[in-house]
Amino acid sequence: MDWIKAVEDAIEYIEENITEDLTIAGIASRVNLSAFYFQKGFAMLCGYTVGEYIRMRRLSLAGSELLSTDVKVIDLAVKYGYDSSDSFTKAFTRFHGSTPTDVRKNRASLKSFARLHIKLSLEGGSVMEYRIEEKAAFKVMGISRVFSYESANADIPKYWDEVYVGAARKLVMGMYGICFDAEMSGNQFRYMIADDLQEEAAAERNLEEYEIPAHTWAVFPCRGAMPLALQEVNRRIFSEWLPASRYELSEGYNIEYYSNAADYKEGTSDLEYYAEVWIPVKEKEQDCDS
């Protein structure tokens, strides 16, 4: 499926079911995307995580309904996914800057958050470097943890600090950062800080072993100080490359390859530091009419 069309369809589904029990995995399955890539791509294209978008849309709609009807606050709380009037009031106040009571009694001002509409704009013919590689299955060793899609952007850098930067003994050198959700469902995925497998070292350090299946990969070089350079490449993959490419995502893997920081004067902050983003792809199916 076309990437932009998939996100548009996901937004439409969210809007039609805004008061229902929405999960990232459930929305992603509706548009035939990996939950991991859906969450990642949605944030890159829209500027919000899926959870943030749903939360702000619900609170915006709840504010309008509070002002225009006499529905009870507890009923609004339940309708828009809160388990108590207290939790709803706290979220409502953080978003609108006023309590539900103040809005209803004193006509305090509200904030509106409109639904998103995806539009592509041409920004000049910039070149994006990539290559397509057929990679055989390969094994890695490392340390992994399960993360929620909603908080992963903040939690994964902290995990690197814990496992690699601040560790008294480095069990892994961090050649790869691997996200995979092929074995999981729901609103979580597993993230592994990994190296190429060395069986003796893996056994000695009690590291996890994992085999990455054979795939066709789109490989995107990334040069510059981390993490901003990597974030920019990821943004361009979803906002520029995927919409225009003859490829689409094929599996729920995402691999970041990191070169040895010791080879650079400023380490990962060096302006010449080199990394790569690997995403598994397949050629888009051609329409019968084309």
C-alpha atoms as a PDB file:
ATOM      1  CA  MET A   1       0.000   0.000   0.000  1.00  0.00           C
ATOM      2  CA  ASP A   2       1.137   3.545  -0.722  1.00  0.00           C
ATOM      3  CA  TRP A   3       2.654   4.971   2.448  1.00  0.00           C
ATOM      4  CA  ILE A   4       0.883   8.348   2.371  1.00  0.00           C
ATOM      5  CA  LYS A   5      -2.433   6.670   1.569  1.00  0.00           C
ATOM      6  CA  ALA A   6      -1.920   4.298   4.520  1.00  0.00           C
ATOM      7  CA  VAL A   7      -1.434   7.194   6.949  1.00  0.00           C
ATOM      8  CA  GLU A   8      -4.440   9.038   5.499  1.00  0.00           C
ATOM      9  CA  ASP A   9      -6.568   5.902   5.934  1.00  0.00           C
ATOM     10  CA  ALA A  10      -5.292   5.508   9.496  1.00  0.00           C
ATOM     11  CA  ILE A  11      -6.303   9.073  10.351  1.00  0.00           C
ATOM     12  CA  GLU A  12      -9.737   8.458   8.839  1.00  0.00           C
ATOM     13  CA  TYR A  13     -10.114   5.294  10.917  1.00  0.00           C
ATOM     14  CA  ILE A  14      -9.071   7.131  14.088  1.00  0.00           C
ATOM     15  CA  GLU A  15     -11.580   9.903  13.448  1.00  0.00           C
ATOM     16  CA  GLU A  16     -14.417   7.463  12.797  1.00  0.00           C
ATOM     17  CA  ASN A  17     -13.627   5.548  16.005  1.00  0.00           C
ATOM     18  CA  ILE A  18     -12.318   8.328  18.245  1.00  0.00           C
ATOM     19  CA  THR A  19     -14.413   7.235  21.243  1.00  0.00           C
ATOM     20  CA  GLU A  20     -13.580   3.543  20.836  1.00  0.00           C
ATOM     21  CA  ASP A  21     -10.692   1.567  22.351  1.00  0.00           C
ATOM     22  CA  LEU A  22      -7.940   2.445  19.866  1.00  0.00           C
ATOM     23  CA  THR A  23      -4.552   0.748  19.934  1.00  0.00           C
ATOM     24  CA  ILE A  24      -1.549   1.360  17.707  1.00  0.00           C
ATOM     25  CA  ALA A  25      -1.402  -2.300  16.732  1.00  0.00           C
ATOM     26  CA  GLY A  26      -5.102  -2.305  15.852  1.00  0.00           C
ATOM     27  CA  ILE A  27      -4.876   0.852  13.745  1.00  0.00           C
ATOM     28  CA  ALA A  28      -1.741  -0.388  11.972  1.00  0.00           C
ATOM     29  CA  SER A  29      -3.374  -3.700  11.096  1.00  0.00           C
ATOM     30  CA  ARG A  30      -6.262  -1.800   9.496  1.00  0.00           C
ATOM     31  CA  VAL A  31      -3.855  -0.231   7.009  1.00  0.00           C
ATOM     32  CA  ASN A  32      -1.633  -3.311   6.583  1.00  0.00           C
ATOM     33  CA  LEU A  33       1.480  -1.829   8.185  1.00  0.00           C
ATOM     34  CA  SER A  34       3.854  -3.085  10.837  1.00  0.00           C
ATOM     35  CA  ALA A  35       2.900  -1.412  14.114  1.00  0.00           C
ATOM     36  CA  PHE A  36       6.502  -0.297  14.564  1.00  0.00           C
ATOM     37  CA  TYR A  37       6.773   1.361  11.158  1.00  0.00           C
ATOM     38  CA  PHE A  38       3.304   2.843  11.445  1.00  0.00           C
ATOM     39  CA  GLN A  39       4.177   4.525  14.740  1.00  0.00           C
ATOM     40  CA  LYS A  40       7.581   5.672  13.486  1.00  0.00           C
ATOM     41  CA  GLY A  41       6.301   6.939  10.141  1.00  0.00           C
ATOM     42  CA  PHE A  42       3.231   8.635  11.609  1.00  0.00           C
ATOM     43  CA  ALA A  43       5.415  10.657  13.966  1.00  0.00           C
ATOM     44  CA  MET A  44       7.836  11.563  11.159  1.00  0.00           C
ATOM     45  CA  LEU A  45       5.068  12.739   8.829  1.00  0.00           C
ATOM     46  CA  CYS A  46       2.689  14.327  11.322  1.00  0.00           C
ATOM     47  CA  GLY A  47       4.907  15.677  14.074  1.00  0.00           C
ATOM     48  CA  TYR A  48       2.987  13.813  16.796  1.00  0.00           C
ATOM     49  CA  THR A  49       2.969  10.248  18.018  1.00  0.00           C
ATOM     50  CA  VAL A  50      -0.239   8.323  17.367  1.00  0.00           C
ATOM     51  CA  GLY A  51      -1.049   8.424  21.075  1.00  0.00           C
ATOM     52  CA  GLU A  52      -0.542  12.189  21.281  1.00  0.00           C
ATOM     53  CA  TYR A  53      -2.771  12.742  18.265  1.00  0.00           C
ATOM     54  CA  ILE A  54      -5.585  10.601  19.679  1.00  0.00           C
ATOM     55  CA  ARG A  55      -5.315  12.210  23.114  1.00  0.00           C
ATOM     56  CA  MET A  56      -5.399  15.786  21.788  1.00  0.00           C
ATOM     57  CA  ARG A  57      -8.261  15.079  19.402  1.00  0.00           C
ATOM     58  CA  ARG A  58     -10.313  13.527  22.212  1.00  0.00           C
ATOM     59  CA  LEU A  59      -9.674  16.434  24.583  1.00  0.00           C
ATOM     60  CA  SER A  60     -10.483  18.945  21.846  1.00  0.00           C
ATOM     61  CA  LEU A  61     -13.789  17.207  21.090  1.00  0.00           C
ATOM     62  CA  ALA A  62     -14.556  16.823  24.799  1.00  0.00           C
ATOM     63  CA  GLY A  63     -14.120  20.571  25.264  1.00  0.00           C
ATOM     64  CA  SER A  64     -16.558  21.369  22.490  1.00  0.00           C
ATOM     65  CA  GLU A  65     -19.095  18.903  23.858  1.00  0.00           C
ATOM     66  CA  LEU A  66     -18.695  20.229  27.402  1.00  0.00           C
ATOM     67  CA  LEU A  67     -19.450  23.761  26.226  1.00  0.00           C
ATOM     68  CA  SER A  68     -22.381  22.935  23.945  1.00  0.00           C
ATOM     69  CA  THR A  69     -24.246  20.293  26.004  1.00  0.00           C
ATOM     70  CA  ASP A  70     -25.192  19.562  29.598  1.00  0.00           C
ATOM     71  CA  VAL A  71     -23.579  16.095  29.626  1.00  0.00           C
ATOM     72  CA  LYS A  72     -22.028  15.157  32.972  1.00  0.00           C
ATOM     73  CA  VAL A  73     -18.244  15.378  33.313  1.00  0.00           C
ATOM     74  CA  ILE A  74     -18.008  11.715  34.378  1.00  0.00           C
ATOM     75  CA  ASP A  75     -19.915  10.690  31.242  1.00  0.00           C
ATOM     76  CA  LEU A  76     -17.539  12.720  29.090  1.00  0.00           C
ATOM     77  CA  ALA A  77     -14.595  11.114  30.873  1.00  0.00           C
ATOM     78  CA  VAL A  78     -15.849   7.602  30.116  1.00  0.00           C
ATOM     79  CA  LYS A  79     -16.777   8.489  26.523  1.00  0.00           C
ATOM     80  CA  TYR A  80     -13.290   9.767  25.751  1.00  0.00           C
ATOM     81  CA  GLY A  81     -11.354   6.958  27.357  1.00  0.00           C
ATOM     82  CA  TYR A  82     -10.709   8.037  30.964  1.00  0.00           C
ATOM     83  CA  ASP A  83     -11.448   5.766  33.897  1.00  0.00           C
ATOM     84  CA  SER A  84     -12.357   8.548  36.344  1.00  0.00           C
ATOM     85  CA  SER A  85     -13.469  12.159  36.384  1.00  0.00           C
ATOM     86  CA  ASP A  86     -10.253  13.072  38.248  1.00  0.00           C
ATOM     87  CA  SER A  87      -7.941  11.691  35.540  1.00  0.00           C
ATOM     88  CA  PHE A  88     -10.083  13.347  32.870  1.00  0.00           C
ATOM     89  CA  THR A  89     -10.027  16.693  34.702  1.00  0.00           C
ATOM     90  CA  LYS A  90      -6.228  16.612  35.026  1.00  0.00           C
ATOM     91  CA  ALA A  91      -5.744  15.832  31.334  1.00  0.00           C
ATOM     92  CA  PHE A  92      -8.399  18.358  30.312  1.00  0.00           C
ATOM     93  CA  THR A  93      -6.788  21.101  32.406  1.00  0.00           C
ATOM     94  CA  ARG A  94      -3.292  20.396  31.049  1.00  0.00           C
ATOM     95  CA  PHE A  95      -4.590  20.632  27.485  1.00  0.00           C
ATOM     96  CA  HIS A  96      -7.074  23.514  27.707  1.00  0.00           C
ATOM     97  CA  GLY A  97      -5.566  25.491  30.580  1.00  0.00           C
ATOM     98  CA  SER A  98      -8.920  25.499  32.390  1.00  0.00           C
ATOM     99  CA  THR A  99     -10.891  22.945  34.387  1.00  0.00           C
ATOM    100  CA  PRO A 100     -14.139  21.486  33.017  1.00  0.00           C
ATOM    101  CA  THR A 101     -16.023  23.317  35.764  1.00  0.00           C
ATOM    102  CA  ASP A 102     -14.463  26.638  34.810  1.00  0.00           C
ATOM    103  CA  VAL A 103     -15.334  26.111  31.168  1.00  0.00           C
ATOM    104  CA  ARG A 104     -18.955  25.264  31.899  1.00  0.00           C
ATOM    105  CA  LYS A 105     -19.663  27.844  34.600  1.00  0.00           C
ATOM    106  CA  ASN A 106     -17.456  30.755  33.525  1.00  0.00           C
ATOM    107  CA  ARG A 107     -17.137  30.107  29.803  1.00  0.00           C
ATOM    108  CA  ALA A 108     -13.351  29.879  30.091  1.00  0.00           C
ATOM    109  CA  SER A 109     -11.513  29.655  26.786  1.00  0.00           C
ATOM    110  CA  LEU A 110     -10.824  26.327  25.115  1.00  0.00           C
ATOM    111  CA  LYS A 111      -8.147  25.075  22.756  1.00  0.00           C
ATOM    112  CA  SER A 112      -9.004  23.401  19.487  1.00  0.00           C
ATOM    113  CA  PHE A 113      -6.937  20.652  17.847  1.00  0.00           C
ATOM    114  CA  ALA A 114      -8.156  19.982  14.303  1.00  0.00           C
ATOM    115  CA  ARG A 115      -7.889  16.630  12.542  1.00  0.00           C
ATOM    116  CA  LEU A 116      -4.841  16.112  10.385  1.00  0.00           C
ATOM    117  CA  HIS A 117      -4.892  16.095   6.601  1.00  0.00           C
ATOM    118  CA  ILE A 118      -1.783  14.788   4.852  1.00  0.00           C
ATOM    119  CA  LYS A 119      -0.521  16.978   2.025  1.00  0.00           C
ATOM    120  CA  LEU A 120       2.687  16.520   0.050  1.00  0.00           C
ATOM    121  CA  SER A 121       4.613  19.620  -0.956  1.00  0.00           C
ATOM    122  CA  LEU A 122       7.522  19.911  -3.367  1.00  0.00           C
ATOM    123  CA  GLU A 123      10.605  21.346  -1.677  1.00  0.00           C
ATOM    124  CA  GLY A 124      13.225  21.159  -4.425  1.00  0.00           C
ATOM    125  CA  GLY A 125      15.140  18.338  -6.013  1.00  0.00           C
ATOM    126  CA  SER A 126      17.382  17.254  -3.146  1.00  0.00           C
ATOM    127  CA  VAL A 127      19.186  13.935  -3.524  1.00  0.00           C
ATOM    128  CA  MET A 128      18.786  11.139  -1.001  1.00  0.00           C
ATOM    129  CA  GLU A 129      21.499   8.493  -1.064  1.00  0.00           C
ATOM    130  CA  TYR A 130      20.493   4.843  -0.654  1.00  0.00           C
ATOM    131  CA  ARG A 131      21.218   1.372  -1.970  1.00  0.00           C
ATOM    132  CA  ILE A 132      19.210  -1.838  -2.185  1.00  0.00           C
ATOM    133  CA  GLU A 133      20.955  -4.910  -0.780  1.00  0.00           C
ATOM    134  CA  GLU A 134      20.019  -8.572  -0.575  1.00  0.00           C
ATOM    135  CA  LYS A 135      21.307  -9.679   2.823  1.00  0.00           C
ATOM    136  CA  ALA A 136      21.456 -13.279   3.960  1.00  0.00           C
ATOM    137  CA  ALA A 137      20.226 -14.133   7.441  1.00  0.00           C
ATOM    138  CA  PHE A 138      22.739 -13.188  10.109  1.00  0.00           C
ATOM    139  CA  LYS A 139      22.999 -13.647  13.861  1.00  0.00           C
ATOM    140  CA  VAL A 140      23.547 -11.028  16.520  1.00  0.00           C
ATOM    141  CA  MET A 141      24.125 -11.027  20.259  1.00  0.00           C
ATOM    142  CA  GLY A 142      23.022  -8.337  22.636  1.00  0.00           C
ATOM    143  CA  ILE A 143      20.762  -7.035  25.365  1.00  0.00           C
ATOM    144  CA  SER A 144      17.131  -6.198  24.736  1.00  0.00           C
ATOM    145  CA  ARG A 145      14.162  -4.666  26.455  1.00  0.00           C
ATOM    146  CA  VAL A 146      10.500  -4.205  25.604  1.00  0.00           C
ATOM    147  CA  PHE A 147       9.358  -0.630  25.020  1.00  0.00           C
ATOM    148  CA  SER A 148       5.998   0.975  24.430  1.00  0.00           C
ATOM    149  CA  TYR A 149       5.537   2.759  21.129  1.00  0.00           C
ATOM    150  CA  GLU A 150       4.296   5.858  22.912  1.00  0.00           C
ATOM    151  CA  SER A 151       7.422   6.524  25.011  1.00  0.00           C
ATOM    152  CA  ALA A 152      10.127   4.816  22.943  1.00  0.00           C
ATOM    153  CA  ASN A 153      11.640   8.014  21.530  1.00  0.00           C
ATOM    154  CA  ALA A 154      12.522   9.183  25.027  1.00  0.00           C
ATOM    155  CA  ASP A 155      13.199   5.791  26.626  1.00  0.00           C
ATOM    156  CA  ILE A 156      15.573   4.222  24.082  1.00  0.00           C
ATOM    157  CA  PRO A 157      18.317   6.901  24.421  1.00  0.00           C
ATOM    158  CA  LYS A 158      18.171   6.328  28.197  1.00  0.00           C
ATOM    159  CA  TYR A 159      18.559   2.605  27.566  1.00  0.00           C
ATOM    160  CA  TRP A 160      21.731   3.261  25.545  1.00  0.00           C
ATOM    161  CA  ASP A 161      23.082   5.325  28.442  1.00  0.00           C
ATOM    162  CA  GLU A 162      22.340   2.465  30.805  1.00  0.00           C
ATOM    163  CA  VAL A 163      23.741  -0.381  28.690  1.00  0.00           C
ATOM    164  CA  TYR A 164      26.573   1.261  26.812  1.00  0.00           C
ATOM    165  CA  VAL A 165      27.550   4.772  27.885  1.00  0.00           C
ATOM    166  CA  GLY A 166      27.360   4.506  31.660  1.00  0.00           C
ATOM    167  CA  ALA A 167      27.997   0.806  32.163  1.00  0.00           C
ATOM    168  CA  ALA A 168      31.019  -0.154  34.265  1.00  0.00           C
ATOM    169  CA  ARG A 169      31.545  -3.147  31.976  1.00  0.00           C
ATOM    170  CA  LYS A 170      30.464  -2.907  28.356  1.00  0.00           C
ATOM    171  CA  LEU A 171      28.833  -6.224  27.484  1.00  0.00           C
ATOM    172  CA  VAL A 172      28.193  -5.049  23.916  1.00  0.00           C
ATOM    173  CA  MET A 173      29.914  -2.450  21.761  1.00  0.00           C
ATOM    174  CA  GLY A 174      26.673  -1.299  20.155  1.00  0.00           C
ATOM    175  CA  MET A 175      27.279  -2.029  16.479  1.00  0.00           C
ATOM    176  CA  TYR A 176      23.510  -2.233  15.946  1.00  0.00           C
ATOM    177  CA  GLY A 177      20.326  -0.824  17.373  1.00  0.00           C
ATOM    178  CA  ILE A 178      17.582  -3.234  16.311  1.00  0.00           C
ATOM    179  CA  CYS A 179      13.826  -2.761  16.592  1.00  0.00           C
ATOM    180  CA  PHE A 180      11.613  -5.729  15.898  1.00  0.00           C
ATOM    181  CA  ASP A 181       7.963  -6.526  16.465  1.00  0.00           C
ATOM    182  CA  ALA A 182       7.618  -9.683  14.377  1.00  0.00           C
ATOM    183  CA  GLU A 183       7.208 -11.773  17.527  1.00  0.00           C
ATOM    184  CA  MET A 184       4.898  -9.418  19.384  1.00  0.00           C
ATOM    185  CA  SER A 185       1.483  -7.807  19.220  1.00  0.00           C
ATOM    186  CA  GLY A 186      -0.137  -4.930  20.997  1.00  0.00           C
ATOM    187  CA  ASN A 187       1.434  -1.562  21.734  1.00  0.00           C
ATOM    188  CA  GLN A 188       4.977  -2.733  22.459  1.00  0.00           C
ATOM    189  CA  PHE A 189       8.073  -3.852  20.579  1.00  0.00           C
ATOM    190  CA  ARG A 190      11.499  -5.220  21.472  1.00  0.00           C
ATOM    191  CA  TYR A 191      14.679  -3.194  21.039  1.00  0.00           C
ATOM    192  CA  MET A 192      18.136  -4.770  21.110  1.00  0.00           C
ATOM    193  CA  ILE A 193      21.569  -3.175  21.426  1.00  0.00           C
ATOM    194  CA  ALA A 194      23.661  -5.727  19.584  1.00  0.00           C
ATOM    195  CA  ASP A 195      26.881  -6.853  17.902  1.00  0.00           C
ATOM    196  CA  ASP A 196      27.607  -9.577  15.381  1.00  0.00           C
ATOM    197  CA  LEU A 197      27.373 -12.955  17.105  1.00  0.00           C
ATOM    198  CA  GLN A 198      30.489 -14.421  18.721  1.00  0.00           C
ATOM    199  CA  GLU A 199      29.241 -17.585  20.356  1.00  0.00           C
ATOM    200  CA  GLU A 200      31.887 -17.837  23.085  1.00  0.00           C
ATOM    201  CA  ALA A 201      31.473 -14.184  24.047  1.00  0.00           C
ATOM    202  CA  ALA A 202      27.681 -14.504  24.029  1.00  0.00           C
ATOM    203  CA  ALA A 203      27.833 -17.501  26.381  1.00  0.00           C
ATOM    204  CA  GLU A 204      30.400 -15.902  28.683  1.00  0.00           C
ATOM    205  CA  ARG A 205      28.450 -12.640  28.997  1.00  0.00           C
ATOM    206  CA  ASN A 206      25.031 -14.332  29.081  1.00  0.00           C
ATOM    207  CA  LEU A 207      23.867 -12.308  26.082  1.00  0.00           C
ATOM    208  CA  GLU A 208      20.746 -12.934  24.048  1.00  0.00           C
ATOM    209  CA  GLU A 209      21.135 -14.365  20.541  1.00  0.00           C
ATOM    210  CA  TYR A 210      18.854 -13.512  17.662  1.00  0.00           C
ATOM    211  CA  GLU A 211      18.798 -14.320  13.952  1.00  0.00           C
ATOM    212  CA  ILE A 212      17.791 -11.557  11.574  1.00  0.00           C
ATOM    213  CA  PRO A 213      16.034 -13.232   8.609  1.00  0.00           C
ATOM    214  CA  ALA A 214      17.219 -12.835   5.039  1.00  0.00           C
ATOM    215  CA  HIS A 215      15.651  -9.762   3.465  1.00  0.00           C
ATOM    216  CA  THR A 216      15.913  -7.168   0.768  1.00  0.00           C
ATOM    217  CA  TRP A 217      17.035  -4.028   2.582  1.00  0.00           C
ATOM    218  CA  ALA A 218      17.039  -0.365   1.661  1.00  0.00           C
ATOM    219  CA  VAL A 219      20.219   0.995   3.224  1.00  0.00           C
ATOM    220  CA  PHE A 220      20.506   4.731   3.912  1.00  0.00           C
ATOM    221  CA  PRO A 221      23.931   6.211   4.751  1.00  0.00           C
ATOM    222  CA  CYS A 222      23.963   8.815   7.485  1.00  0.00           C
ATOM    223  CA  ARG A 223      26.841  11.235   8.090  1.00  0.00           C
ATOM    224  CA  GLY A 224      26.993  13.719  10.933  1.00  0.00           C
ATOM    225  CA  ALA A 225      26.652  14.153  14.680  1.00  0.00           C
ATOM    226  CA  MET A 226      24.274  11.786  16.418  1.00  0.00           C
ATOM    227  CA  PRO A 227      21.375  11.719  17.078  1.00  0.00           C
ATOM    228  CA  LEU A 228      20.256  14.664  14.921  1.00  0.00           C
ATOM    229  CA  ALA A 229      21.786  13.352  11.691  1.00  0.00           C
ATOM    230  CA  LEU A 230      20.077   9.982  12.160  1.00  0.00           C
ATOM    231  CA  GLN A 231      16.751  11.594  13.011  1.00  0.00           C
ATOM    232  CA  GLU A 232      16.919  13.670   9.839  1.00  0.00           C
ATOM    233  CA  VAL A 233      17.583  10.597   7.678  1.00  0.00           C
ATOM    234  CA  ASN A 234      14.628   8.804   9.285  1.00  0.00           C
ATOM    235  CA  ARG A 235      12.410  11.822   8.666  1.00  0.00           C
ATOM    236  CA  ARG A 236      13.370  11.925   4.990  1.00  0.00           C
ATOM    237  CA  ILE A 237      12.831   8.172   4.557  1.00  0.00           C
ATOM    238  CA  PHE A 238       9.178   8.535   5.531  1.00  0.00           C
ATOM    239  CA  SER A 239       8.424  11.992   4.141  1.00  0.00           C
ATOM    240  CA  GLU A 240      10.378  11.822   0.856  1.00  0.00           C
ATOM    241  CA  TRP A 241      11.746   8.406  -0.063  1.00  0.00           C
ATOM    242  CA  LEU A 242       8.849   6.050   0.682  1.00  0.00           C
ATOM    243  CA  PRO A 243       6.145   8.165  -1.027  1.00  0.00           C
ATOM    244  CA  ALA A 244       8.223   8.470  -4.208  1.00  0.00           C
ATOM    245  CA  SER A 245       9.876   5.046  -4.222  1.00  0.00           C
ATOM    246  CA  ARG A 246       8.844   1.880  -6.045  1.00  0.00           C
ATOM    247  CA  TYR A 247       9.403   0.036  -2.752  1.00  0.00           C
ATOM    248  CA  GLU A 248       7.258  -0.455   0.336  1.00  0.00           C
ATOM    249  CA  LEU A 249       7.933  -1.793   3.814  1.00  0.00           C
ATOM    250  CA  SER A 250       7.866  -5.561   4.066  1.00  0.00           C
ATOM    251  CA  GLU A 251       8.591  -6.586   7.678  1.00  0.00           C
ATOM    252  CA  GLY A 252       8.607  -5.201  11.201  1.00  0.00           C
ATOM    253  CA  TYR A 253      12.349  -4.677  11.490  1.00  0.00           C
ATOM    254  CA  ASN A 254      14.424  -1.525  11.651  1.00  0.00           C
ATOM    255  CA  ILE A 255      18.197  -1.644  12.043  1.00  0.00           C
ATOM    256  CA  GLU A 256      20.577   1.196  12.767  1.00  0.00           C
ATOM    257  CA  TYR A 257      24.226   0.378  12.092  1.00  0.00           C
ATOM    258  CA  TYR A 258      26.869   2.387  13.966  1.00  0.00           C
ATOM    259  CA  SER A 259      30.526   2.620  12.982  1.00  0.00           C
ATOM    260  CA  ASN A 260      33.208   2.561  15.692  1.00  0.00           C
ATOM    261  CA  ALA A 261      33.073   5.882  17.536  1.00  0.00           C
ATOM    262  CA  ALA A 262      36.762   5.512  18.454  1.00  0.00           C
ATOM    263  CA  ASP A 263      37.655   6.081  14.793  1.00  0.00           C
ATOM    264  CA  TYR A 264      36.412   9.672  15.001  1.00  0.00           C
ATOM    265  CA  LYS A 265      37.989  12.576  16.875  1.00  0.00           C
ATOM    266  CA  GLU A 266      34.684  13.686  18.418  1.00  0.00           C
ATOM    267  CA  GLY A 267      33.153  10.199  18.643  1.00  0.00           C
ATOM    268  CA  THR A 268      29.473  10.074  17.731  1.00  0.00           C
ATOM    269  CA  SER A 269      29.373  13.888  17.901  1.00  0.00           C
ATOM    270  CA  ASP A 270      31.854  14.183  15.039  1.00  0.00           C
ATOM    271  CA  LEU A 271      30.512  15.892  11.931  1.00  0.00           C
ATOM    272  CA  GLU A 272      31.982  13.042   9.840  1.00  0.00           C
ATOM    273  CA  TYR A 273      30.575  10.205  11.964  1.00  0.00           C
ATOM    274  CA  TYR A 274      29.037   7.439   9.827  1.00  0.00           C
ATOM    275  CA  ALA A 275      25.938   5.350  10.493  1.00  0.00           C
ATOM    276  CA  GLU A 276      23.260   3.615   8.422  1.00  0.00           C
ATOM    277  CA  VAL A 277      19.525   2.948   8.602  1.00  0.00           C
ATOM    278  CA  TRP A 278      18.347  -0.399   7.193  1.00  0.00           C
ATOM    279  CA  ILE A 279      14.677  -1.040   6.427  1.00  0.00           C
ATOM    280  CA  PRO A 280      13.292  -4.263   4.877  1.00  0.00           C
ATOM    281  CA  VAL A 281      11.466  -3.578   1.618  1.00  0.00           C
ATOM    282  CA  LYS A 282       9.733  -5.192  -1.320  1.00  0.00           C
ATOM    283  CA  GLU A 283       8.680  -3.784  -4.662  1.00  0.00           C
ATOM    284  CA  LYS A 284       5.195  -2.297  -4.733  1.00  0.00           C
ATOM    285  CA  GLU A 285       2.590  -4.315  -6.571  1.00  0.00           C
ATOM    286  CA  GLN A 286       1.596  -2.651  -9.818  1.00  0.00           C
ATOM    287  CA  ASP A 287      -2.047  -1.697 -10.298  1.00  0.00           C
ATOM    288  CA  CYS A 288      -3.803  -3.768 -12.947  1.00  0.00           C
ATOM    289  CA  ASP A 289      -4.809  -0.590 -14.780  1.00  0.00           C
ATOM    290  CA  SER A 290      -1.287   0.832 -14.957  1.00  0.00           C
END
